[in-house]
Full PDB file with SEQRES, HELIX, SHEET, SSBOND, CRYST1, ORIGX, SCALE, CONECT and MASTER records, all heavy atoms in Angstrom:
SEQRES   1 A   42  ALA ASP THR PRO ALA ARG GLY SER ALA HIS MET GLY ILE          
SEQRES   2 A   42  GLY VAL VAL ALA HIS ASP GLY GLN GLY GLY LEU PRO ALA          
SEQRES   3 A   42  ASP THR ARG ALA THR GLN THR GLU GLY VAL ASP VAL ALA          
SEQRES   4 A   42  SER TYR GLN                                                  
HELIX    1 AA1 VAL A   15  ASP A   19  1                                   5    
CRYST1    1.000    1.000    1.000  90.00  90.00  90.00 P 1           1          
ORIGX1      1.000000  0.000000  0.000000        0.00000                         
ORIGX2      0.000000  1.000000  0.000000        0.00000                         
ORIGX3      0.000000  0.000000  1.000000        0.00000                         
SCALE1      1.000000  0.000000  0.000000        0.00000                         
SCALE2      0.000000  1.000000  0.000000        0.00000                         
SCALE3      0.000000  0.000000  1.000000        0.00000                         
ATOM      1  N   ALA A   1      27.278  15.247  38.741  1.00  0.00           N  
ATOM      2  CA  ALA A   1      28.385  15.451  39.668  1.00  0.00           C  
ATOM      3  C   ALA A   1      28.813  14.140  40.311  1.00  0.00           C  
ATOM      4  O   ALA A   1      29.978  13.964  40.668  1.00  0.00           O  
ATOM      5  CB  ALA A   1      27.978  16.452  40.742  1.00  0.00           C  
ATOM      6  N   ASP A   2      27.870  13.206  40.486  1.00  0.00           N  
ATOM      7  CA  ASP A   2      28.158  11.945  41.137  1.00  0.00           C  
ATOM      8  C   ASP A   2      28.708  10.882  40.185  1.00  0.00           C  
ATOM      9  O   ASP A   2      29.131   9.815  40.623  1.00  0.00           O  
ATOM     10  CB  ASP A   2      26.887  11.389  41.800  1.00  0.00           C  
ATOM     11  CG  ASP A   2      26.415  12.265  42.964  1.00  0.00           C  
ATOM     12  OD1 ASP A   2      27.246  13.051  43.460  1.00  0.00           O  
ATOM     13  OD2 ASP A   2      25.244  12.165  43.341  1.00  0.00           O  
ATOM     14  N   THR A   3      28.687  11.137  38.894  1.00  0.00           N  
ATOM     15  CA  THR A   3      29.154  10.156  37.928  1.00  0.00           C  
ATOM     16  C   THR A   3      30.674  10.063  37.958  1.00  0.00           C  
ATOM     17  O   THR A   3      31.362  11.071  37.798  1.00  0.00           O  
ATOM     18  CB  THR A   3      28.695  10.541  36.507  1.00  0.00           C  
ATOM     19  OG1 THR A   3      27.273  10.612  36.486  1.00  0.00           O  
ATOM     20  CG2 THR A   3      29.175   9.505  35.499  1.00  0.00           C  
ATOM     21  N   PRO A   4      31.226   8.868  38.176  1.00  0.00           N  
ATOM     22  CA  PRO A   4      32.692   8.749  38.223  1.00  0.00           C  
ATOM     23  C   PRO A   4      33.325   8.917  36.851  1.00  0.00           C  
ATOM     24  O   PRO A   4      32.647   8.855  35.821  1.00  0.00           O  
ATOM     25  CB  PRO A   4      32.899   7.323  38.749  1.00  0.00           C  
ATOM     26  CG  PRO A   4      31.664   6.588  38.322  1.00  0.00           C  
ATOM     27  CD  PRO A   4      30.546   7.584  38.394  1.00  0.00           C  
ATOM     28  N   ALA A   5      34.623   9.121  36.842  1.00  0.00           N  
ATOM     29  CA  ALA A   5      35.352   9.257  35.586  1.00  0.00           C  
ATOM     30  C   ALA A   5      35.404   7.920  34.868  1.00  0.00           C  
ATOM     31  O   ALA A   5      35.514   6.860  35.489  1.00  0.00           O  
ATOM     32  CB  ALA A   5      36.771   9.752  35.862  1.00  0.00           C  
ATOM     33  N   ARG A   6      35.318   7.965  33.556  1.00  0.00           N  
ATOM     34  CA  ARG A   6      35.438   6.748  32.755  1.00  0.00           C  
ATOM     35  C   ARG A   6      36.761   6.049  33.065  1.00  0.00           C  
ATOM     36  O   ARG A   6      37.810   6.682  33.129  1.00  0.00           O  
ATOM     37  CB  ARG A   6      35.383   7.068  31.262  1.00  0.00           C  
ATOM     38  CG  ARG A   6      33.984   7.309  30.732  1.00  0.00           C  
ATOM     39  CD  ARG A   6      33.279   6.013  30.403  1.00  0.00           C  
ATOM     40  NE  ARG A   6      31.905   6.235  29.952  1.00  0.00           N  
ATOM     41  CZ  ARG A   6      31.072   5.262  29.632  1.00  0.00           C  
ATOM     42  NH1 ARG A   6      31.474   4.000  29.720  1.00  0.00           N  
ATOM     43  NH2 ARG A   6      29.839   5.525  29.241  1.00  0.00           N  
ATOM     44  N   GLY A   7      36.678   4.739  33.261  1.00  0.00           N  
ATOM     45  CA  GLY A   7      37.864   3.952  33.565  1.00  0.00           C  
ATOM     46  C   GLY A   7      38.010   3.635  35.034  1.00  0.00           C  
ATOM     47  O   GLY A   7      38.781   2.754  35.405  1.00  0.00           O  
ATOM     48  N   SER A   8      37.263   4.346  35.878  1.00  0.00           N  
ATOM     49  CA  SER A   8      37.445   4.179  37.318  1.00  0.00           C  
ATOM     50  C   SER A   8      36.565   3.088  37.924  1.00  0.00           C  
ATOM     51  O   SER A   8      36.634   2.823  39.120  1.00  0.00           O  
ATOM     52  CB  SER A   8      37.159   5.497  38.039  1.00  0.00           C  
ATOM     53  OG  SER A   8      35.803   5.889  37.851  1.00  0.00           O  
ATOM     54  N   ALA A   9      35.754   2.430  37.120  1.00  0.00           N  
ATOM     55  CA  ALA A   9      34.875   1.389  37.639  1.00  0.00           C  
ATOM     56  C   ALA A   9      35.687   0.181  38.108  1.00  0.00           C  
ATOM     57  O   ALA A   9      36.801  -0.059  37.649  1.00  0.00           O  
ATOM     58  CB  ALA A   9      33.883   0.959  36.569  1.00  0.00           C  
ATOM     59  N   HIS A  10      35.091  -0.583  39.016  1.00  0.00           N  
ATOM     60  CA  HIS A  10      35.770  -1.772  39.529  1.00  0.00           C  
ATOM     61  C   HIS A  10      34.732  -2.748  40.039  1.00  0.00           C  
ATOM     62  O   HIS A  10      33.549  -2.402  40.208  1.00  0.00           O  
ATOM     63  CB  HIS A  10      36.731  -1.387  40.664  1.00  0.00           C  
ATOM     64  CG  HIS A  10      36.068  -0.648  41.787  1.00  0.00           C  
ATOM     65  ND1 HIS A  10      35.426  -1.284  42.837  1.00  0.00           N  
ATOM     66  CD2 HIS A  10      35.909   0.676  42.021  1.00  0.00           C  
ATOM     67  CE1 HIS A  10      34.924  -0.382  43.664  1.00  0.00           C  
ATOM     68  NE2 HIS A  10      35.205   0.821  43.195  1.00  0.00           N  
ATOM     69  N   MET A  11      35.139  -3.971  40.282  1.00  0.00           N  
ATOM     70  CA  MET A  11      34.226  -4.998  40.771  1.00  0.00           C  
ATOM     71  C   MET A  11      33.504  -4.527  42.027  1.00  0.00           C  
ATOM     72  O   MET A  11      34.128  -4.099  42.993  1.00  0.00           O  
ATOM     73  CB  MET A  11      34.992  -6.271  41.102  1.00  0.00           C  
ATOM     74  CG  MET A  11      35.230  -7.173  39.925  1.00  0.00           C  
ATOM     75  SD  MET A  11      35.959  -8.735  40.453  1.00  0.00           S  
ATOM     76  CE  MET A  11      35.854  -9.640  38.900  1.00  0.00           C  
ATOM     77  N   GLY A  12      32.186  -4.606  41.990  1.00  0.00           N  
ATOM     78  CA  GLY A  12      31.399  -4.259  43.163  1.00  0.00           C  
ATOM     79  C   GLY A  12      31.098  -2.797  43.321  1.00  0.00           C  
ATOM     80  O   GLY A  12      30.576  -2.388  44.357  1.00  0.00           O  
ATOM     81  N   ILE A  13      31.363  -1.991  42.317  1.00  0.00           N  
ATOM     82  CA  ILE A  13      31.178  -0.548  42.454  1.00  0.00           C  
ATOM     83  C   ILE A  13      29.728  -0.184  42.760  1.00  0.00           C  
ATOM     84  O   ILE A  13      29.460   0.832  43.391  1.00  0.00           O  
ATOM     85  CB  ILE A  13      31.678   0.190  41.187  1.00  0.00           C  
ATOM     86  CG1 ILE A  13      31.720   1.711  41.419  1.00  0.00           C  
ATOM     87  CG2 ILE A  13      30.852  -0.171  39.963  1.00  0.00           C  
ATOM     88  CD1 ILE A  13      32.411   2.490  40.319  1.00  0.00           C  
ATOM     89  N   GLY A  14      28.783  -1.031  42.343  1.00  0.00           N  
ATOM     90  CA  GLY A  14      27.388  -0.708  42.589  1.00  0.00           C  
ATOM     91  C   GLY A  14      26.703  -1.560  43.642  1.00  0.00           C  
ATOM     92  O   GLY A  14      25.511  -1.384  43.900  1.00  0.00           O  
ATOM     93  N   VAL A  15      27.430  -2.465  44.275  1.00  0.00           N  
ATOM     94  CA  VAL A  15      26.798  -3.436  45.168  1.00  0.00           C  
ATOM     95  C   VAL A  15      26.145  -2.778  46.384  1.00  0.00           C  
ATOM     96  O   VAL A  15      24.976  -3.026  46.695  1.00  0.00           O  
ATOM     97  CB  VAL A  15      27.800  -4.516  45.613  1.00  0.00           C  
ATOM     98  CG1 VAL A  15      27.182  -5.413  46.683  1.00  0.00           C  
ATOM     99  CG2 VAL A  15      28.243  -5.357  44.426  1.00  0.00           C  
ATOM    100  N   VAL A  16      26.884  -1.950  47.101  1.00  0.00           N  
ATOM    101  CA  VAL A  16      26.346  -1.350  48.320  1.00  0.00           C  
ATOM    102  C   VAL A  16      25.144  -0.460  48.004  1.00  0.00           C  
ATOM    103  O   VAL A  16      24.112  -0.512  48.686  1.00  0.00           O  
ATOM    104  CB  VAL A  16      27.432  -0.553  49.068  1.00  0.00           C  
ATOM    105  CG1 VAL A  16      26.824   0.206  50.239  1.00  0.00           C  
ATOM    106  CG2 VAL A  16      28.528  -1.489  49.554  1.00  0.00           C  
ATOM    107  N   ALA A  17      25.245   0.337  46.948  1.00  0.00           N  
ATOM    108  CA  ALA A  17      24.156   1.250  46.598  1.00  0.00           C  
ATOM    109  C   ALA A  17      22.887   0.508  46.200  1.00  0.00           C  
ATOM    110  O   ALA A  17      21.775   0.948  46.509  1.00  0.00           O  
ATOM    111  CB  ALA A  17      24.604   2.174  45.470  1.00  0.00           C  
ATOM    112  N   HIS A  18      23.028  -0.623  45.537  1.00  0.00           N  
ATOM    113  CA  HIS A  18      21.858  -1.330  45.011  1.00  0.00           C  
ATOM    114  C   HIS A  18      21.403  -2.498  45.877  1.00  0.00           C  
ATOM    115  O   HIS A  18      20.205  -2.770  45.972  1.00  0.00           O  
ATOM    116  CB  HIS A  18      22.156  -1.833  43.595  1.00  0.00           C  
ATOM    117  CG  HIS A  18      22.297  -0.754  42.584  1.00  0.00           C  
ATOM    118  ND1 HIS A  18      21.233  -0.237  41.877  1.00  0.00           N  
ATOM    119  CD2 HIS A  18      23.390  -0.070  42.155  1.00  0.00           C  
ATOM    120  CE1 HIS A  18      21.659   0.713  41.066  1.00  0.00           C  
ATOM    121  NE2 HIS A  18      22.960   0.845  41.211  1.00  0.00           N  
ATOM    122  N   ASP A  19      22.345  -3.206  46.488  1.00  0.00           N  
ATOM    123  CA  ASP A  19      21.998  -4.395  47.273  1.00  0.00           C  
ATOM    124  C   ASP A  19      22.211  -4.233  48.773  1.00  0.00           C  
ATOM    125  O   ASP A  19      21.816  -5.094  49.555  1.00  0.00           O  
ATOM    126  CB  ASP A  19      22.823  -5.599  46.795  1.00  0.00           C  
ATOM    127  CG  ASP A  19      22.231  -6.245  45.555  1.00  0.00           C  
ATOM    128  OD1 ASP A  19      21.134  -5.820  45.133  1.00  0.00           O  
ATOM    129  OD2 ASP A  19      22.858  -7.170  44.995  1.00  0.00           O  
ATOM    130  N   GLY A  20      22.897  -3.173  49.155  1.00  0.00           N  
ATOM    131  CA  GLY A  20      23.160  -2.958  50.568  1.00  0.00           C  
ATOM    132  C   GLY A  20      24.350  -3.765  51.067  1.00  0.00           C  
ATOM    133  O   GLY A  20      25.024  -4.459  50.306  1.00  0.00           O  
ATOM    134  N   GLN A  21      24.606  -3.680  52.348  1.00  0.00           N  
ATOM    135  CA  GLN A  21      25.741  -4.369  52.963  1.00  0.00           C  
ATOM    136  C   GLN A  21      25.320  -4.879  54.324  1.00  0.00           C  
ATOM    137  O   GLN A  21      24.922  -4.117  55.193  1.00  0.00           O  
ATOM    138  CB  GLN A  21      26.937  -3.419  53.093  1.00  0.00           C  
ATOM    139  CG  GLN A  21      28.193  -4.113  53.606  1.00  0.00           C  
ATOM    140  CD  GLN A  21      29.444  -3.281  53.338  1.00  0.00           C  
ATOM    141  OE1 GLN A  21      29.368  -2.155  52.871  1.00  0.00           O  
ATOM    142  NE2 GLN A  21      30.594  -3.851  53.616  1.00  0.00           N  
ATOM    143  N   GLY A  22      25.390  -6.213  54.502  1.00  0.00           N  
ATOM    144  CA  GLY A  22      24.994  -6.832  55.754  1.00  0.00           C  
ATOM    145  C   GLY A  22      26.191  -7.323  56.533  1.00  0.00           C  
ATOM    146  O   GLY A  22      27.263  -6.719  56.508  1.00  0.00           O  
ATOM    147  N   GLY A  23      26.025  -8.455  57.208  1.00  0.00           N  
ATOM    148  CA  GLY A  23      27.112  -9.011  58.002  1.00  0.00           C  
ATOM    149  C   GLY A  23      28.133  -9.741  57.171  1.00  0.00           C  
ATOM    150  O   GLY A  23      28.037  -9.821  55.942  1.00  0.00           O  
ATOM    151  N   LEU A  24      29.134 -10.289  57.841  1.00  0.00           N  
ATOM    152  CA  LEU A  24      30.178 -11.054  57.182  1.00  0.00           C  
ATOM    153  C   LEU A  24      29.915 -12.544  57.343  1.00  0.00           C  
ATOM    154  O   LEU A  24      29.311 -12.977  58.327  1.00  0.00           O  
ATOM    155  CB  LEU A  24      31.547 -10.706  57.780  1.00  0.00           C  
ATOM    156  CG  LEU A  24      32.040  -9.281  57.553  1.00  0.00           C  
ATOM    157  CD1 LEU A  24      33.328  -9.042  58.325  1.00  0.00           C  
ATOM    158  CD2 LEU A  24      32.257  -9.016  56.069  1.00  0.00           C  
ATOM    159  N   PRO A  25      30.354 -13.355  56.385  1.00  0.00           N  
ATOM    160  CA  PRO A  25      30.165 -14.805  56.514  1.00  0.00           C  
ATOM    161  C   PRO A  25      31.028 -15.379  57.626  1.00  0.00           C  
ATOM    162  O   PRO A  25      32.025 -14.779  58.034  1.00  0.00           O  
ATOM    163  CB  PRO A  25      30.599 -15.330  55.139  1.00  0.00           C  
ATOM    164  CG  PRO A  25      31.555 -14.305  54.633  1.00  0.00           C  
ATOM    165  CD  PRO A  25      31.039 -12.983  55.148  1.00  0.00           C  
ATOM    166  N   ALA A  26      30.648 -16.556  58.111  1.00  0.00           N  
ATOM    167  CA  ALA A  26      31.473 -17.251  59.103  1.00  0.00           C  
ATOM    168  C   ALA A  26      32.825 -17.578  58.498  1.00  0.00           C  
ATOM    169  O   ALA A  26      32.948 -17.788  57.287  1.00  0.00           O  
ATOM    170  CB  ALA A  26      30.765 -18.523  59.552  1.00  0.00           C  
ATOM    171  N   ASP A  27      33.857 -17.604  59.307  1.00  0.00           N  
ATOM    172  CA  ASP A  27      35.208 -17.867  58.818  1.00  0.00           C  
ATOM    173  C   ASP A  27      35.372 -19.349  58.517  1.00  0.00           C  
ATOM    174  O   ASP A  27      35.465 -20.175  59.402  1.00  0.00           O  
ATOM    175  CB  ASP A  27      36.235 -17.432  59.869  1.00  0.00           C  
ATOM    176  CG  ASP A  27      37.653 -17.446  59.313  1.00  0.00           C  
ATOM    177  OD1 ASP A  27      37.823 -17.812  58.128  1.00  0.00           O  
ATOM    178  OD2 ASP A  27      38.582 -17.088  60.050  1.00  0.00           O  
ATOM    179  N   THR A  28      35.358 -19.681  57.233  1.00  0.00           N  
ATOM    180  CA  THR A  28      35.448 -21.079  56.807  1.00  0.00           C  
ATOM    181  C   THR A  28      36.624 -21.272  55.856  1.00  0.00           C  
ATOM    182  O   THR A  28      36.531 -21.943  54.846  1.00  0.00           O  
ATOM    183  CB  THR A  28      34.156 -21.518  56.114  1.00  0.00           C  
ATOM    184  OG1 THR A  28      33.872 -20.594  55.041  1.00  0.00           O  
ATOM    185  CG2 THR A  28      32.982 -21.525  57.064  1.00  0.00           C  
ATOM    186  N   ARG A  29      37.748 -20.676  56.187  1.00  0.00           N  
ATOM    187  CA  ARG A  29      38.887 -20.716  55.269  1.00  0.00           C  
ATOM    188  C   ARG A  29      39.468 -22.114  55.080  1.00  0.00           C  
ATOM    189  O   ARG A  29      40.210 -22.355  54.142  1.00  0.00           O  
ATOM    190  CB  ARG A  29      39.980 -19.763  55.761  1.00  0.00           C  
ATOM    191  CG  ARG A  29      39.562 -18.301  55.682  1.00  0.00           C  
ATOM    192  CD  ARG A  29      40.690 -17.368  56.061  1.00  0.00           C  
ATOM    193  NE  ARG A  29      40.205 -15.989  56.108  1.00  0.00           N  
ATOM    194  CZ  ARG A  29      40.996 -14.956  56.341  1.00  0.00           C  
ATOM    195  NH1 ARG A  29      42.279 -15.125  56.573  1.00  0.00           N  
ATOM    196  NH2 ARG A  29      40.503 -13.737  56.357  1.00  0.00           N  
ATOM    197  N   ALA A  30      39.158 -23.039  55.974  1.00  0.00           N  
ATOM    198  CA  ALA A  30      39.684 -24.395  55.822  1.00  0.00           C  
ATOM    199  C   ALA A  30      39.170 -25.045  54.542  1.00  0.00           C  
ATOM    200  O   ALA A  30      39.843 -25.851  53.923  1.00  0.00           O  
ATOM    201  CB  ALA A  30      39.292 -25.255  57.026  1.00  0.00           C  
ATOM    202  N   THR A  31      37.937 -24.686  54.150  1.00  0.00           N  
ATOM    203  CA  THR A  31      37.366 -25.263  52.935  1.00  0.00           C  
ATOM    204  C   THR A  31      37.051 -24.224  51.875  1.00  0.00           C  
ATOM    205  O   THR A  31      36.720 -24.577  50.751  1.00  0.00           O  
ATOM    206  CB  THR A  31      36.073 -26.026  53.267  1.00  0.00           C  
ATOM    207  OG1 THR A  31      35.164 -25.129  53.917  1.00  0.00           O  
ATOM    208  CG2 THR A  31      36.353 -27.206  54.168  1.00  0.00           C  
ATOM    209  N   GLN A  32      37.109 -22.936  52.228  1.00  0.00           N  
ATOM    210  CA  GLN A  32      36.868 -21.894  51.244  1.00  0.00           C  
ATOM    211  C   GLN A  32      38.076 -20.971  51.220  1.00  0.00           C  
ATOM    212  O   GLN A  32      38.344 -20.263  52.183  1.00  0.00           O  
ATOM    213  CB  GLN A  32      35.594 -21.113  51.578  1.00  0.00           C  
ATOM    214  CG  GLN A  32      34.337 -21.961  51.416  1.00  0.00           C  
ATOM    215  CD  GLN A  32      33.085 -21.107  51.329  1.00  0.00           C  
ATOM    216  OE1 GLN A  32      33.049 -19.989  51.800  1.00  0.00           O  
ATOM    217  NE2 GLN A  32      32.051 -21.651  50.705  1.00  0.00           N  
ATOM    218  N   THR A  33      38.757 -20.978  50.117  1.00  0.00           N  
ATOM    219  CA  THR A  33      40.055 -20.311  50.020  1.00  0.00           C  
ATOM    220  C   THR A  33      39.900 -18.814  49.794  1.00  0.00           C  
ATOM    221  O   THR A  33      39.191 -18.382  48.884  1.00  0.00           O  
ATOM    222  CB  THR A  33      40.880 -20.937  48.882  1.00  0.00           C  
ATOM    223  OG1 THR A  33      40.861 -22.363  49.026  1.00  0.00           O  
ATOM    224  CG2 THR A  33      42.305 -20.440  48.920  1.00  0.00           C  
ATOM    225  N   GLU A  34      40.581 -18.030  50.628  1.00  0.00           N  
ATOM    226  CA  GLU A  34      40.471 -16.572  50.596  1.00  0.00           C  
ATOM    227  C   GLU A  34      41.164 -15.973  49.381  1.00  0.00           C  
ATOM    228  O   GLU A  34      42.254 -16.386  48.977  1.00  0.00           O  
ATOM    229  CB  GLU A  34      41.083 -15.990  51.868  1.00  0.00           C  
ATOM    230  CG  GLU A  34      40.776 -14.526  52.109  1.00  0.00           C  
ATOM    231  CD  GLU A  34      39.378 -14.278  52.646  1.00  0.00           C  
ATOM    232  OE1 GLU A  34      38.630 -15.249  52.871  1.00  0.00           O  
ATOM    233  OE2 GLU A  34      39.037 -13.097  52.843  1.00  0.00           O  
ATOM    234  N   GLY A  35      40.490 -14.980  48.775  1.00  0.00           N  
ATOM    235  CA  GLY A  35      41.057 -14.268  47.641  1.00  0.00           C  
ATOM    236  C   GLY A  35      40.757 -12.785  47.725  1.00  0.00           C  
ATOM    237  O   GLY A  35      40.018 -12.329  48.602  1.00  0.00           O  
ATOM    238  N   VAL A  36      41.328 -12.001  46.807  1.00  0.00           N  
ATOM    239  CA  VAL A  36      41.051 -10.568  46.716  1.00  0.00           C  
ATOM    240  C   VAL A  36      40.910 -10.181  45.254  1.00  0.00           C  
ATOM    241  O   VAL A  36      41.368 -10.894  44.354  1.00  0.00           O  
ATOM    242  CB  VAL A  36      42.166  -9.709  47.362  1.00  0.00           C  
ATOM    243  CG1 VAL A  36      42.251  -9.945  48.860  1.00  0.00           C  
ATOM    244  CG2 VAL A  36      43.515  -9.973  46.698  1.00  0.00           C  
ATOM    245  N   ASP A  37      40.247  -9.049  45.023  1.00  0.00           N  
ATOM    246  CA  ASP A  37      40.232  -8.456  43.680  1.00  0.00           C  
ATOM    247  C   ASP A  37      40.645  -7.001  43.806  1.00  0.00           C  
ATOM    248  O   ASP A  37      40.273  -6.324  44.761  1.00  0.00           O  
ATOM    249  CB  ASP A  37      38.861  -8.591  43.025  1.00  0.00           C  
ATOM    250  CG  ASP A  37      37.729  -7.969  43.842  1.00  0.00           C  
ATOM    251  OD1 ASP A  37      37.182  -8.665  44.720  1.00  0.00           O  
ATOM    252  OD2 ASP A  37      37.405  -6.787  43.611  1.00  0.00           O  
ATOM    253  N   VAL A  38      41.443  -6.539  42.851  1.00  0.00           N  
ATOM    254  CA  VAL A  38      42.025  -5.204  42.944  1.00  0.00           C  
ATOM    255  C   VAL A  38      41.889  -4.456  41.622  1.00  0.00           C  
ATOM    256  O   VAL A  38      41.722  -5.061  40.555  1.00  0.00           O  
ATOM    257  CB  VAL A  38      43.521  -5.268  43.352  1.00  0.00           C  
ATOM    258  CG1 VAL A  38      43.675  -5.874  44.738  1.00  0.00           C  
ATOM    259  CG2 VAL A  38      44.341  -6.052  42.339  1.00  0.00           C  
ATOM    260  N   ALA A  39      41.982  -3.130  41.716  1.00  0.00           N  
ATOM    261  CA  ALA A  39      41.928  -2.256  40.550  1.00  0.00           C  
ATOM    262  C   ALA A  39      42.859  -1.081  40.798  1.00  0.00           C  
ATOM    263  O   ALA A  39      43.512  -0.987  41.836  1.00  0.00           O  
ATOM    264  CB  ALA A  39      40.500  -1.782  40.300  1.00  0.00           C  
ATOM    265  N   SER A  40      42.904  -0.146  39.854  1.00  0.00           N  
ATOM    266  CA  SER A  40      43.901   0.921  39.923  1.00  0.00           C  
ATOM    267  C   SER A  40      43.739   1.823  41.140  1.00  0.00           C  
ATOM    268  O   SER A  40      44.722   2.375  41.642  1.00  0.00           O  
ATOM    269  CB  SER A  40      43.852   1.770  38.648  1.00  0.00           C  
ATOM    270  OG  SER A  40      42.578   2.393  38.520  1.00  0.00           O  
ATOM    271  N   TYR A  41      42.502   1.979  41.653  1.00  0.00           N  
ATOM    272  CA  TYR A  41      42.311   2.893  42.778  1.00  0.00           C  
ATOM    273  C   TYR A  41      43.012   2.402  44.038  1.00  0.00           C  
ATOM    274  O   TYR A  41      43.218   3.170  44.975  1.00  0.00           O  
ATOM    275  CB  TYR A  41      40.823   3.129  43.036  1.00  0.00           C  
ATOM    276  CG  TYR A  41      40.097   2.020  43.749  1.00  0.00           C  
ATOM    277  CD1 TYR A  41      39.854   2.084  45.117  1.00  0.00           C  
ATOM    278  CD2 TYR A  41      39.638   0.906  43.053  1.00  0.00           C  
ATOM    279  CE1 TYR A  41      39.165   1.068  45.776  1.00  0.00           C  
ATOM    280  CE2 TYR A  41      38.955  -0.114  43.699  1.00  0.00           C  
ATOM    281  CZ  TYR A  41      38.723  -0.028  45.050  1.00  0.00           C  
ATOM    282  OH  TYR A  41      38.048  -1.041  45.695  1.00  0.00           O  
ATOM    283  N   GLN A  42      43.422   1.120  44.067  1.00  0.00           N  
ATOM    284  CA  GLN A  42      44.137   0.586  45.215  1.00  0.00           C  
ATOM    285  C   GLN A  42      45.654   0.710  45.086  1.00  0.00           C  
ATOM    286  O   GLN A  42      46.383   0.402  46.023  1.00  0.00           O  
ATOM    287  CB  GLN A  42      43.731  -0.878  45.422  1.00  0.00           C  
ATOM    288  CG  GLN A  42      42.297  -0.986  45.940  1.00  0.00           C  
ATOM    289  CD  GLN A  42      41.587  -2.260  45.507  1.00  0.00           C  
ATOM    290  OE1 GLN A  42      41.849  -2.794  44.428  1.00  0.00           O  
ATOM    291  NE2 GLN A  42      40.688  -2.741  46.339  1.00  0.00           N  
TER     292      GLN A  42                                                      
MASTER        0    0    0    1    0    0    0    6  291    1    0    4          
END                                                                             
């Protein structure tokens, strides 16, 4: 029942379940350029 439909996977789909989720990094956008990754569910 918990298995998603084929094709619905995306970057990071297993990260929280397997590695957990902690804090956020310090805001260092002056030297580290911000990006995003997207898939169909968005």
